[in-house]
Each structure stands twice: as structure tokens, then as C-alpha cells.
Protein backbone atom coordinates (compact mmCIF):
# COMPACT_ATOMS: atom_id res chain seq x y z
CA UNK A 1 -24.51 -50.20 -5.38
CA UNK A 2 -25.41 -47.50 -2.82
CA UNK A 3 -23.64 -44.70 -2.35
CA UNK A 4 -22.34 -46.04 1.07
CA UNK A 5 -21.44 -48.73 -0.34
CA UNK A 6 -19.33 -47.14 -2.97
CA UNK A 7 -17.61 -44.83 -0.38
CA UNK A 8 -16.38 -47.40 2.45
CA UNK A 9 -12.69 -48.06 2.36
CA UNK A 10 -11.81 -51.31 0.73
CA UNK A 11 -11.59 -54.42 3.22
CA UNK A 12 -7.74 -55.15 2.72
CA UNK A 13 -5.22 -53.56 1.01
CA UNK A 14 -5.21 -55.85 -2.61
CA UNK A 15 -9.31 -55.07 -3.28
CA UNK A 16 -9.96 -52.68 -5.22
CA UNK A 17 -11.60 -48.81 -5.08
CA UNK A 18 -15.23 -49.34 -4.24
CA UNK A 19 -17.00 -46.12 -5.76
CA UNK A 20 -16.40 -42.92 -7.71
CA UNK A 21 -16.64 -39.65 -6.53
CA UNK A 22 -20.08 -38.15 -6.03
CA UNK A 23 -21.71 -35.56 -8.31
CA UNK A 24 -20.66 -32.16 -7.19
CA UNK A 25 -21.97 -28.44 -8.45
CA UNK A 26 -19.54 -28.39 -11.23
CA UNK A 27 -21.72 -32.17 -12.24
CA UNK A 28 -25.21 -30.09 -12.06
CA UNK A 29 -24.02 -27.09 -14.31
CA UNK A 30 -22.49 -29.91 -16.48
CA UNK A 31 -26.22 -31.95 -16.61
CA UNK A 32 -28.08 -28.79 -16.91
CA UNK A 33 -25.81 -27.67 -20.15
CA UNK A 34 -26.44 -31.25 -21.38
CA UNK A 35 -30.37 -31.27 -21.27
CA UNK A 36 -29.98 -28.24 -23.25
CA UNK A 37 -27.98 -29.29 -25.92
CA UNK A 38 -30.39 -32.55 -25.55
CA UNK A 39 -33.12 -29.86 -26.05
CA UNK A 40 -31.62 -28.94 -29.36
CA UNK A 41 -30.67 -31.93 -30.99
CA UNK A 42 -33.99 -33.45 -30.48
CA UNK A 43 -35.68 -29.99 -31.52
CA UNK A 44 -34.39 -30.27 -34.80
CA UNK A 45 -34.92 -34.07 -35.37
CA UNK A 46 -38.84 -32.94 -34.44
CA UNK A 47 -38.08 -29.72 -36.98
CA UNK A 48 -37.00 -32.32 -39.66
CA UNK A 49 -39.93 -34.38 -38.98
CA UNK A 50 -42.41 -31.86 -38.82
CA UNK A 51 -40.99 -30.57 -42.47
CA UNK A 52 -40.78 -34.01 -43.93
CA UNK A 53 -44.56 -34.41 -42.97
CA UNK A 54 -45.70 -31.16 -43.92
CA UNK A 55 -44.22 -32.12 -47.33
CA UNK A 56 -45.60 -35.34 -47.43
CA UNK A 57 -49.26 -33.99 -46.75
CA UNK A 58 -48.53 -31.13 -49.70
CA UNK A 59 -47.57 -34.23 -51.82
CA UNK A 60 -50.49 -35.84 -51.41
CA UNK A 61 -53.28 -32.96 -51.54
CA UNK A 62 -51.63 -31.69 -54.73
CA UNK A 63 -50.40 -35.05 -56.13
CA UNK A 64 -48.93 -34.22 -59.65
CA UNK A 65 -49.37 -30.54 -59.47
CA UNK A 66 -47.18 -29.87 -56.13
CA UNK A 67 -44.49 -27.14 -56.42
CA UNK A 68 -40.95 -28.63 -57.35
CA UNK A 69 -39.39 -27.35 -54.40
CA UNK A 70 -41.74 -29.46 -52.37
CA UNK A 71 -40.25 -32.68 -53.52
CA UNK A 72 -36.66 -31.30 -52.38
CA UNK A 73 -37.40 -30.26 -49.47
CA UNK A 74 -38.77 -33.40 -48.05
CA UNK A 75 -35.73 -35.16 -49.45
CA UNK A 76 -33.95 -32.81 -47.35
CA UNK A 77 -36.07 -32.98 -44.41
CA UNK A 78 -35.90 -36.85 -44.72
CA UNK A 79 -32.37 -37.77 -44.57
CA UNK A 80 -31.98 -34.61 -42.02
CA UNK A 81 -34.13 -37.08 -40.09
CA UNK A 82 -32.30 -40.53 -41.11
CA UNK A 83 -29.12 -39.11 -39.92
CA UNK A 84 -30.64 -37.51 -36.60
CA UNK A 85 -32.05 -40.77 -35.57
CA UNK A 86 -28.86 -42.87 -36.96
CA UNK A 87 -26.91 -40.14 -34.96
CA UNK A 88 -29.09 -40.37 -31.95
CA UNK A 89 -28.63 -44.04 -31.51
CA UNK A 90 -24.95 -43.71 -31.59
CA UNK A 91 -24.82 -41.46 -29.01
CA UNK A 92 -27.64 -42.94 -26.53
CA UNK A 93 -25.95 -46.57 -27.13
CA UNK A 94 -22.19 -45.33 -25.80
CA UNK A 95 -24.10 -44.52 -22.29
CA UNK A 96 -27.39 -47.09 -22.49
CA UNK A 97 -29.78 -49.06 -24.28
CA UNK A 98 -32.18 -46.93 -26.56
CA UNK A 99 -35.30 -47.19 -25.24
CA UNK A 100 -34.25 -49.69 -23.01
CA UNK A 101 -34.17 -52.55 -26.08
CA UNK A 102 -31.71 -55.38 -25.15
CA UNK A 103 -29.86 -54.47 -28.88
CA UNK A 104 -26.54 -56.11 -29.14
CA UNK A 105 -23.28 -53.74 -28.59
CA UNK A 106 -25.32 -51.00 -26.88
CA UNK A 107 -24.65 -49.67 -22.86
CA UNK A 108 -20.67 -49.51 -24.09
CA UNK A 109 -19.32 -47.71 -21.32
CA UNK A 110 -21.39 -50.10 -18.55
CA UNK A 111 -20.84 -53.29 -20.19
CA UNK A 112 -17.08 -52.22 -21.39
CA UNK A 113 -16.30 -50.64 -18.40
CA UNK A 114 -12.96 -53.03 -17.10
CA UNK A 115 -11.71 -52.88 -20.87
CA UNK A 116 -11.81 -49.39 -20.79
CA UNK A 117 -10.00 -49.51 -17.94
CA UNK A 118 -7.60 -51.99 -19.08
CA UNK A 119 -7.17 -50.00 -22.54
CA UNK A 120 -6.77 -46.55 -20.69
CA UNK A 121 -3.70 -48.45 -18.64
CA UNK A 122 -1.93 -49.39 -21.44
CA UNK A 123 -2.25 -46.57 -23.27
CA UNK A 124 -0.25 -44.72 -20.81
CA UNK A 125 1.81 -47.35 -20.16
CA UNK A 126 2.99 -47.52 -23.80
CA UNK A 127 2.95 -43.98 -24.84
CA UNK A 128 3.58 -42.30 -21.08
CA UNK A 129 5.20 -43.93 -18.83
CA UNK A 130 8.17 -44.92 -21.05
CA UNK A 131 11.89 -44.34 -19.52
CA UNK A 132 12.47 -42.10 -22.15
CA UNK A 133 9.17 -39.91 -21.80
CA UNK A 134 9.32 -39.53 -18.16
CA UNK A 135 13.08 -38.67 -18.39
CA UNK A 136 12.56 -35.84 -21.23
CA UNK A 137 9.33 -34.19 -19.53
CA UNK A 138 11.39 -34.95 -15.95
CA UNK A 139 14.64 -33.37 -17.25
CA UNK A 140 12.43 -29.91 -18.79
CA UNK A 141 10.45 -29.76 -15.53
CA UNK A 142 13.52 -28.51 -13.50
CA UNK A 143 12.20 -29.23 -10.53
CA UNK A 144 14.84 -28.50 -7.90
CA UNK A 145 15.34 -24.92 -9.30
CA UNK A 146 11.59 -24.03 -9.12
CA UNK A 147 10.56 -25.66 -6.11
CA UNK A 148 13.48 -24.14 -4.88
CA UNK A 149 12.76 -21.18 -5.83
CA UNK A 150 9.19 -21.02 -4.76
CA UNK A 151 10.77 -22.23 -1.39
CA UNK A 152 13.31 -19.43 -1.07
CA UNK A 153 10.43 -16.70 -1.95
CA UNK A 154 9.26 -15.63 1.95
CA UNK A 155 5.85 -14.70 0.43
CA UNK A 156 5.40 -18.61 0.86
CA UNK A 157 6.66 -18.68 4.52
CA UNK A 158 3.18 -19.04 6.37
CA UNK A 159 2.28 -21.67 3.88
CA UNK A 160 5.64 -23.54 4.14
CA UNK A 161 5.75 -23.40 8.33
CA UNK A 162 2.11 -24.39 7.80
CA UNK A 163 2.71 -27.24 5.62
CA UNK A 164 5.54 -28.23 7.73
CA UNK A 165 3.34 -28.32 10.91
CA UNK A 166 0.91 -30.22 9.35
CA UNK A 167 3.55 -32.95 8.28
CA UNK A 168 5.16 -33.69 11.45
CA UNK A 169 1.72 -32.87 13.21
CA UNK A 170 0.36 -35.43 10.97
CA UNK A 171 3.53 -38.21 11.82
CA UNK A 172 2.83 -37.54 15.49
CA UNK A 173 -1.01 -38.94 14.85
CA UNK A 174 0.13 -41.89 13.18
CA UNK A 175 2.87 -42.87 15.89
CA UNK A 176 1.03 -44.46 18.42
CA UNK A 177 2.93 -43.39 22.17
CA UNK A 178 3.81 -47.22 23.24
CA UNK A 179 5.19 -47.67 19.59
CA UNK A 180 7.58 -44.96 20.08
CA UNK A 181 8.80 -46.34 23.80
CA UNK A 182 8.95 -49.38 23.07
CA UNK A 183 11.47 -47.98 19.94
CA UNK A 184 13.56 -45.79 22.24
CA UNK A 185 13.88 -48.93 24.27
CA UNK A 186 14.97 -51.15 22.17
CA UNK A 187 17.37 -48.36 20.51
CA UNK A 188 18.59 -48.20 23.63
CA UNK A 189 19.10 -52.40 24.64
CA UNK A 190 20.63 -52.60 20.32
CA UNK A 191 23.37 -49.54 21.65
CA UNK A 192 23.86 -51.70 24.54
CA UNK A 193 24.65 -54.94 23.19
CA UNK A 194 28.45 -54.00 22.04
CA UNK A 195 31.02 -53.73 24.53
CA UNK A 196 31.50 -49.92 25.70
CA UNK A 197 35.04 -49.85 27.07
CA UNK A 198 37.07 -50.26 24.27
CA UNK A 199 35.17 -48.13 21.45
CA UNK A 200 34.83 -45.55 24.66
CA UNK A 201 38.22 -45.68 25.21
CA UNK A 202 39.32 -45.04 21.82
CA UNK A 203 37.28 -42.34 21.21
CA UNK A 204 38.66 -40.44 24.69
CA UNK A 205 42.01 -41.37 23.33
CA UNK A 206 42.14 -39.32 20.05
CA UNK A 207 40.13 -36.24 21.99
CA UNK A 208 43.28 -36.55 24.26
CA UNK A 209 45.89 -36.46 21.43
CA UNK A 210 43.48 -34.02 19.12
CA UNK A 211 43.75 -31.54 22.46
CA UNK A 212 39.93 -31.63 22.61
CA UNK A 213 39.62 -32.01 26.80
CA UNK A 214 42.03 -29.18 27.19
CA UNK A 215 38.90 -26.73 27.41
CA UNK A 216 37.02 -29.10 29.31
CA UNK A 217 39.99 -29.12 32.09
CA UNK A 218 40.43 -25.51 31.79
CA UNK A 219 36.61 -24.93 32.62
CA UNK A 220 36.89 -27.23 35.24
CA UNK A 221 39.77 -25.11 37.11
CA UNK A 222 38.02 -21.90 36.64
CA UNK A 223 34.78 -23.47 38.37
CA UNK A 224 37.19 -24.94 40.97
CA UNK A 225 38.58 -21.39 41.48
CA UNK A 226 35.34 -19.72 41.52
CA UNK A 227 34.01 -22.25 44.17
CA UNK A 228 37.26 -21.37 46.23
CA UNK A 229 36.37 -17.72 46.23
CA UNK A 230 33.00 -18.61 47.68
CA UNK A 231 34.79 -21.28 50.02
CA UNK A 232 34.83 -19.09 53.27
CA UNK A 233 31.38 -19.78 55.03
CA UNK A 234 31.93 -23.24 54.41
CA UNK A 235 35.18 -23.87 55.83
CA UNK A 236 34.57 -21.55 59.42
CA UNK A 237 31.77 -24.13 59.52
CA UNK A 238 34.10 -27.13 58.97
CA UNK A 239 36.69 -25.97 61.31
CA UNK A 240 33.86 -25.11 64.31
CA UNK A 241 32.40 -28.44 64.13
CA UNK A 242 35.40 -30.74 63.47
CA UNK A 243 38.19 -28.30 65.25
CA UNK A 244 39.33 -29.03 68.81
CA UNK A 245 36.53 -27.93 70.86
CA UNK A 246 39.35 -26.31 73.53
CA UNK A 247 40.45 -23.92 70.34
CA UNK A 248 39.38 -20.19 71.07
CA UNK A 249 36.79 -19.24 67.95
CA UNK A 250 39.45 -16.38 67.56
CA UNK A 251 42.14 -19.14 66.43
CA UNK A 252 39.37 -20.94 64.40
CA UNK A 253 39.06 -17.37 62.44
CA UNK A 254 42.87 -17.36 61.92
CA UNK A 255 42.93 -20.70 60.34
CA UNK A 256 40.02 -20.47 58.57
CA UNK A 257 40.88 -17.65 57.10
CA UNK A 258 44.35 -19.08 56.10
CA UNK A 259 43.30 -21.94 55.05
CA UNK A 260 40.92 -20.13 52.59
CA UNK A 261 43.63 -17.84 51.54
CA UNK A 262 46.05 -20.86 50.44
CA UNK A 263 42.87 -22.73 48.54
CA UNK A 264 42.46 -19.56 46.91
CA UNK A 265 45.45 -19.12 46.01
CA UNK A 266 45.61 -22.83 44.58
CA UNK A 267 43.10 -23.13 42.51
CA UNK A 268 44.19 -19.42 40.60
CA UNK A 269 47.44 -21.39 40.11
CA UNK A 270 46.65 -24.31 39.02
CA UNK A 271 43.42 -21.98 36.58
CA UNK A 272 46.52 -19.73 35.25
CA UNK A 273 49.44 -22.23 34.65
CA UNK A 274 47.86 -24.72 31.54
CA UNK A 275 51.22 -26.52 32.63
CA UNK A 276 50.60 -26.98 36.51
CA UNK A 277 51.72 -30.10 37.45
CA UNK A 278 47.40 -30.95 38.60
CA UNK A 279 46.88 -30.36 35.31
CA UNK A 280 49.28 -32.74 34.21
CA UNK A 281 48.27 -35.27 36.77
CA UNK A 282 44.38 -34.85 35.34
CA UNK A 283 45.99 -35.13 31.66
CA UNK A 284 48.08 -38.56 33.16
CA UNK A 285 44.57 -39.72 34.73
CA UNK A 286 43.27 -39.25 31.68
CA UNK A 287 45.35 -41.17 29.46
CA UNK A 288 45.63 -43.95 31.97
CA UNK A 289 41.87 -44.31 31.95
CA UNK A 290 41.45 -44.86 27.94
CA UNK A 291 43.83 -46.97 28.22
CA UNK A 292 41.97 -48.97 30.83
CA UNK A 293 39.08 -48.61 28.84
CA UNK A 294 40.56 -50.36 26.14
CA UNK A 295 42.68 -53.14 27.77
CA UNK A 296 42.19 -53.48 31.71
CA UNK A 297 39.61 -56.82 32.15
CA UNK A 298 38.34 -55.52 35.49
CA UNK A 299 37.89 -51.57 34.08
CA UNK A 300 35.51 -52.93 31.03
CA UNK A 301 33.94 -55.46 33.16
CA UNK A 302 33.19 -52.70 35.94
CA UNK A 303 31.56 -50.73 33.27
CA UNK A 304 29.73 -53.21 31.90
CA UNK A 305 28.35 -53.85 35.06
CA UNK A 306 27.17 -49.99 35.37
CA UNK A 307 25.51 -50.09 31.88
CA UNK A 308 23.73 -53.22 32.20
CA UNK A 309 22.10 -51.84 35.89
CA UNK A 310 21.34 -48.47 34.22
CA UNK A 311 19.84 -49.93 30.98
CA UNK A 312 17.90 -52.62 32.69
CA UNK A 313 16.14 -50.15 35.65
CA UNK A 314 12.80 -49.31 35.44
CA UNK A 315 13.07 -45.34 35.70
CA UNK A 316 15.09 -45.46 32.32
CA UNK A 317 11.95 -47.28 30.85
CA UNK A 318 9.47 -44.90 32.73
CA UNK A 319 12.14 -41.82 31.75
CA UNK A 320 11.92 -42.47 28.18
CA UNK A 321 7.87 -43.04 28.01
CA UNK A 322 7.94 -39.90 29.97
CA UNK A 323 10.22 -37.82 27.96
CA UNK A 324 8.47 -38.85 24.59
CA UNK A 325 4.64 -37.87 26.00
CA UNK A 326 6.59 -34.31 27.15
CA UNK A 327 8.22 -34.09 23.74
CA UNK A 328 5.01 -34.59 22.07
CA UNK A 329 2.95 -32.50 23.86
CA UNK A 330 5.64 -29.73 23.57
CA UNK A 331 5.72 -30.30 19.94
CA UNK A 332 2.02 -30.27 19.87
CA UNK A 333 1.87 -27.15 21.21
CA UNK A 334 4.14 -25.25 19.45
CA UNK A 335 2.60 -26.68 16.04
CA UNK A 336 -0.69 -25.47 16.77
CA UNK A 337 1.01 -21.83 17.31
CA UNK A 338 0.89 -19.92 14.32
CA UNK A 339 3.67 -17.36 15.93
CA UNK A 340 5.77 -20.23 17.58
CA UNK A 341 9.42 -20.23 17.65
CA UNK A 342 9.27 -23.81 16.33
CA UNK A 343 7.40 -23.08 12.95
CA UNK A 344 9.23 -19.79 12.64
CA UNK A 345 12.22 -21.83 13.00
CA UNK A 346 11.41 -24.85 10.51
CA UNK A 347 10.14 -21.81 7.69
CA UNK A 348 13.41 -20.15 8.09
CA UNK A 349 15.48 -23.20 7.40
CA UNK A 350 13.78 -24.63 4.98
CA UNK A 351 14.07 -20.65 3.29
CA UNK A 352 17.66 -20.76 3.81
CA UNK A 353 18.55 -24.44 2.52
CA UNK A 354 16.13 -23.45 -0.74
CA UNK A 355 17.93 -20.07 -1.54
CA UNK A 356 21.48 -21.67 -1.31
CA UNK A 357 20.11 -24.40 -4.08
CA UNK A 358 18.33 -21.30 -5.86
CA UNK A 359 21.63 -19.52 -6.48
CA UNK A 360 23.71 -22.63 -6.73
CA UNK A 361 24.00 -23.77 -10.43
CA UNK A 362 25.65 -26.90 -9.83
CA UNK A 363 24.18 -27.91 -7.09
CA UNK A 364 20.72 -27.65 -9.29
CA UNK A 365 22.80 -29.65 -12.21
CA UNK A 366 23.51 -32.50 -9.55
CA UNK A 367 19.94 -32.37 -8.16
CA UNK A 368 18.16 -32.17 -11.78
CA UNK A 369 20.10 -35.23 -12.45
CA UNK A 370 19.52 -37.00 -9.56
CA UNK A 371 15.97 -36.61 -9.81
CA UNK A 372 16.08 -37.56 -14.00
CA UNK A 373 17.81 -40.95 -12.45
CA UNK A 374 14.92 -41.76 -9.97
CA UNK A 375 11.90 -40.79 -12.09
CA UNK A 376 13.77 -43.36 -15.38
CA UNK A 377 14.01 -45.97 -12.50
CA UNK A 378 10.64 -45.60 -11.36
CA UNK A 379 9.67 -45.80 -15.08
CA UNK A 380 11.54 -48.79 -15.81
CA UNK A 381 10.69 -50.56 -13.07
CA UNK A 382 7.39 -49.88 -11.87
CA UNK A 383 5.59 -48.24 -14.69
CA UNK A 384 2.80 -51.45 -14.67
CA UNK A 385 2.22 -50.58 -10.83
CA UNK A 386 1.88 -47.41 -11.21
CA UNK A 387 -0.79 -48.21 -14.11
CA UNK A 388 -2.51 -50.46 -12.42
CA UNK A 389 -4.36 -47.46 -10.12
CA UNK A 390 -5.88 -46.53 -13.27
CA UNK A 391 -7.04 -50.08 -14.24
CA UNK A 392 -7.80 -51.18 -10.51
CA UNK A 393 -9.87 -48.07 -10.16
CA UNK A 394 -11.58 -48.41 -12.34
CA UNK A 395 -12.39 -51.67 -12.10
CA UNK A 396 -13.85 -50.17 -8.50
CA UNK A 397 -16.34 -48.17 -10.03
CA UNK A 398 -19.88 -48.90 -10.23
CA UNK A 399 -20.33 -49.33 -13.73
CA UNK A 400 -24.58 -47.00 -13.75
CA UNK A 401 -22.45 -44.22 -12.37
CA UNK A 402 -19.23 -44.12 -14.44
CA UNK A 403 -21.39 -44.06 -17.34
CA UNK A 404 -23.48 -41.17 -16.30
CA UNK A 405 -20.15 -39.03 -15.10
CA UNK A 406 -18.70 -40.12 -18.58
CA UNK A 407 -21.66 -38.46 -20.10
CA UNK A 408 -22.14 -35.64 -18.33
CA UNK A 409 -18.72 -35.09 -18.98
CA UNK A 410 -18.54 -35.48 -22.76
CA UNK A 411 -21.77 -35.71 -23.34
CA UNK A 412 -22.57 -31.78 -24.37
CA UNK A 413 -20.18 -32.18 -26.58
CA UNK A 414 -21.59 -34.95 -28.08
CA UNK A 415 -24.79 -33.41 -28.83
CA UNK A 416 -23.15 -31.65 -31.43
CA UNK A 417 -22.98 -35.31 -33.17
CA UNK A 418 -26.45 -35.39 -33.44
CA UNK A 419 -27.39 -31.63 -34.57
CA UNK A 420 -24.15 -32.75 -37.51
CA UNK A 421 -25.98 -35.51 -38.74
CA UNK A 422 -29.25 -33.73 -38.33
CA UNK A 423 -28.00 -30.87 -40.77
CA UNK A 424 -25.37 -33.25 -42.98
CA UNK A 425 -27.97 -35.99 -43.68
CA UNK A 426 -30.23 -33.04 -44.91
CA UNK A 427 -27.82 -31.67 -47.38
CA UNK A 428 -26.63 -35.12 -48.16
CA UNK A 429 -29.99 -36.05 -49.03
CA UNK A 430 -30.97 -32.80 -50.44
CA UNK A 431 -27.46 -33.12 -52.75
CA UNK A 432 -28.62 -37.14 -54.14
CA UNK A 433 -31.83 -36.15 -54.90
CA UNK A 434 -30.98 -33.28 -56.42
CA UNK A 435 -28.35 -35.55 -58.68
CA UNK A 436 -30.67 -38.43 -59.30
CA UNK A 437 -33.14 -35.91 -60.81
CA UNK A 438 -30.38 -34.16 -62.76
CA UNK A 439 -29.37 -37.82 -64.28
CA UNK A 440 -33.12 -39.15 -64.44
CA UNK A 441 -35.52 -36.23 -64.96
């Protein structure tokens, strides 16, 4: 499989991954270490072979007159060669066919890659993804406490604001403008489906009973008085325009001043007296309007007509589109600026919440309990799906690349098997020969 094929994305969600991560600088260092250990292990094999040939040459030259130690050295070197060759074959057979020969049960990792993935997945599922194990480990981690302490540390505020802005920015990139606009319009239409009159009337009635509208009425009275104070010019213009043409100007001025004075005095009384008849009339109007919204068919139908006309206008959909685009532009600009108020606010909000959690042991205990419950539920119901990530990923790897990658990871340590085989084989051969000499002469 080529590099391009291994790095292309899967054609469908159900397809397995199509490649193993490439070889990096760390792999290059592992390759150099592996080669060095191969040279050492092979060097011992060559040394044992050289010693064996030397002792055989001495024995063939001197015959029965050869020194006694020669036979012992020959036996040790011969057994060392056998051990070295046997372990070389065993180590090599894991990754490839020794000498390229089609020997059965060799190149095991390449041939058994899928089975290895299945067995690894089964091992993980049976020993690590059990509810009891997951529950115990997650409980020991105390994730809420650790996470809240890290988030509450002001030294991490820059990192928090950066990650939060990155997450929001990623969400904005994933959402298409058309989809958001359609969602907003659909939400508005969904809200418009039920009648607005009765629920609005009940809300208004509840607000009146709780005296929540009194501040609004007081504010309106204050604004009316402020308007009256500045209304002298308007009153004069109205009198000059609509008053009798025969009236002299001084008379218009006197009338205008009187109207202004009475208007200011009246609005001041309304503003200052919570029990003024105008205020009572306003409260009575609101009470009647709340009842009409709930029970008067004409009022309900009129409100429905206004609602339908408002929701159905093209300007509403256009306003939703414009509002989203403007909000998105402002959001993107704020997220790109490290010193923006939005990023600072996000970081402050996260730190405040985390500080509260880190200082509240009872809340930590509850959150830890929830975390353990969620982890246990996931392990009990989705362990197979989680472990399938391992098996399906291994299935998607290229067999040759997998073999080479694993060899780079563990091959250097496996070379010690060859070295030990040479040394242990030599010692075993020496011991066996020595015992045979003692027993049989």
C-alpha cells in the first residue's frame, strides 16, 4: 500500500482506517539503535563461529595431541552458534521470513496482524473496560477536583481563553450560515405555532399580581414628566400652527405657557403619587388586557393576525440572516483578538466556576459520583464499540508498515534475546560437554 493510500481518509464512516502514522524522527533514532544492537548480536555469532573454526583447525592440526582446553572451547562455541542462530531465527520470524524462505509460521506479525488486533481488543475489553475496573479507576482520579483546581489557577487563564475561543471558533466553522439561518427561522415558526394570547395573558396577569409592572409604570411616568418639562417649544409650535389666526402672539404665548405649566404639574402629580387615578387607570387597563388575551376571542384573533403577519414577512427571515452574519463576524473578530473582552470574560467565567467547585467539597463529591456513574454506564454498554477502535484501526494498517513499526519499537530489546542465546548457549554447551567428560571420560 502506498503512502498516499495510507493517508487518505476512509471513503465511508463504516470503513476501517487506512494507514499507520508515518515514521518520524523518533523512529529514525530507534532504527539507529536497532541497527547497533543487531551489529552487536551478529558480532557475537560471528565471534562464536570464528572460535569454533579456530578450535576445529587446532584439533585437525594436532589431532590427539591437541590441548585439553580446545575441546571445551569448541563445545562452548558450537553451542553458542546454535543458540545464536536459533534465537536469530525466532526473532526474525516475528517480522519477516528468515532469508526470504517461505518457511511455515514465519512473518507472524504481517500474517497475523488482524488476529493480533482482535486479541488485543479482547484483552483490553476483558481486563480494562469492565465496569468495576473503570468505576474504581475513575473514582481514584477525582477528576472534578483536579480539573477545577487547574482551571481555577489564574496562571492558566491564557490557556483557558485560548482553548475556549478555539472551541467556539471550531463550532462556528462547522456551522454553515444557511443552516443557522434556517434553524433560526424554523425556531421562530415553531414558537409561532401555538396561540400567543392565552399564555401571554397568564404571564401578564402573574406579573400584575406580583406587582412586577409597578417599576415600569413608574419609569413611564418619569419619562412623561421629563417630556413635559421640555415640551414648551412643541406646545408653542402647535398653538402657532393650529390656533386662531386672529389671536395676537402675546395671547398665544400666555396660553402656551399655561398649557405647559399645567402639563408639567399634572405629570409631576402622576409621577409622585403611586395611587394617582392615572396610575390606577393604567393598572386597570393592564388587568383588562390580561383577561382579554386569555378569554376574548376578538383580542386573541387580532394578536394571532399580527403574529402571522410579522413571522411571515420576508424582512424577518432577512433580519435573522443579517443578525447571524453580524454576530458571527463580531464573534470571530473578538475570538481572534487575545486581548478582547469576550476572551477575558470567557476565562473569568471559567475560573469563577472552577473556583467555586474547587472550594466546595460537597459539590466535588457529587460531581465525582456523577463522573463515576457515567464512566460505569459507558463501560457497561459501550465497551465493545470503544474497543472496536483498536481492532478496526489495526485492520486498516498496512501489514508491512505494521511489522516495521513494531520492530522499531521492540526490536532493540529483542536483540538481547539473540545475545543471551549466544551466551547461554555457550555456557550450556560447556556445561554439557564437561558433564559428559566427567561421566564417560
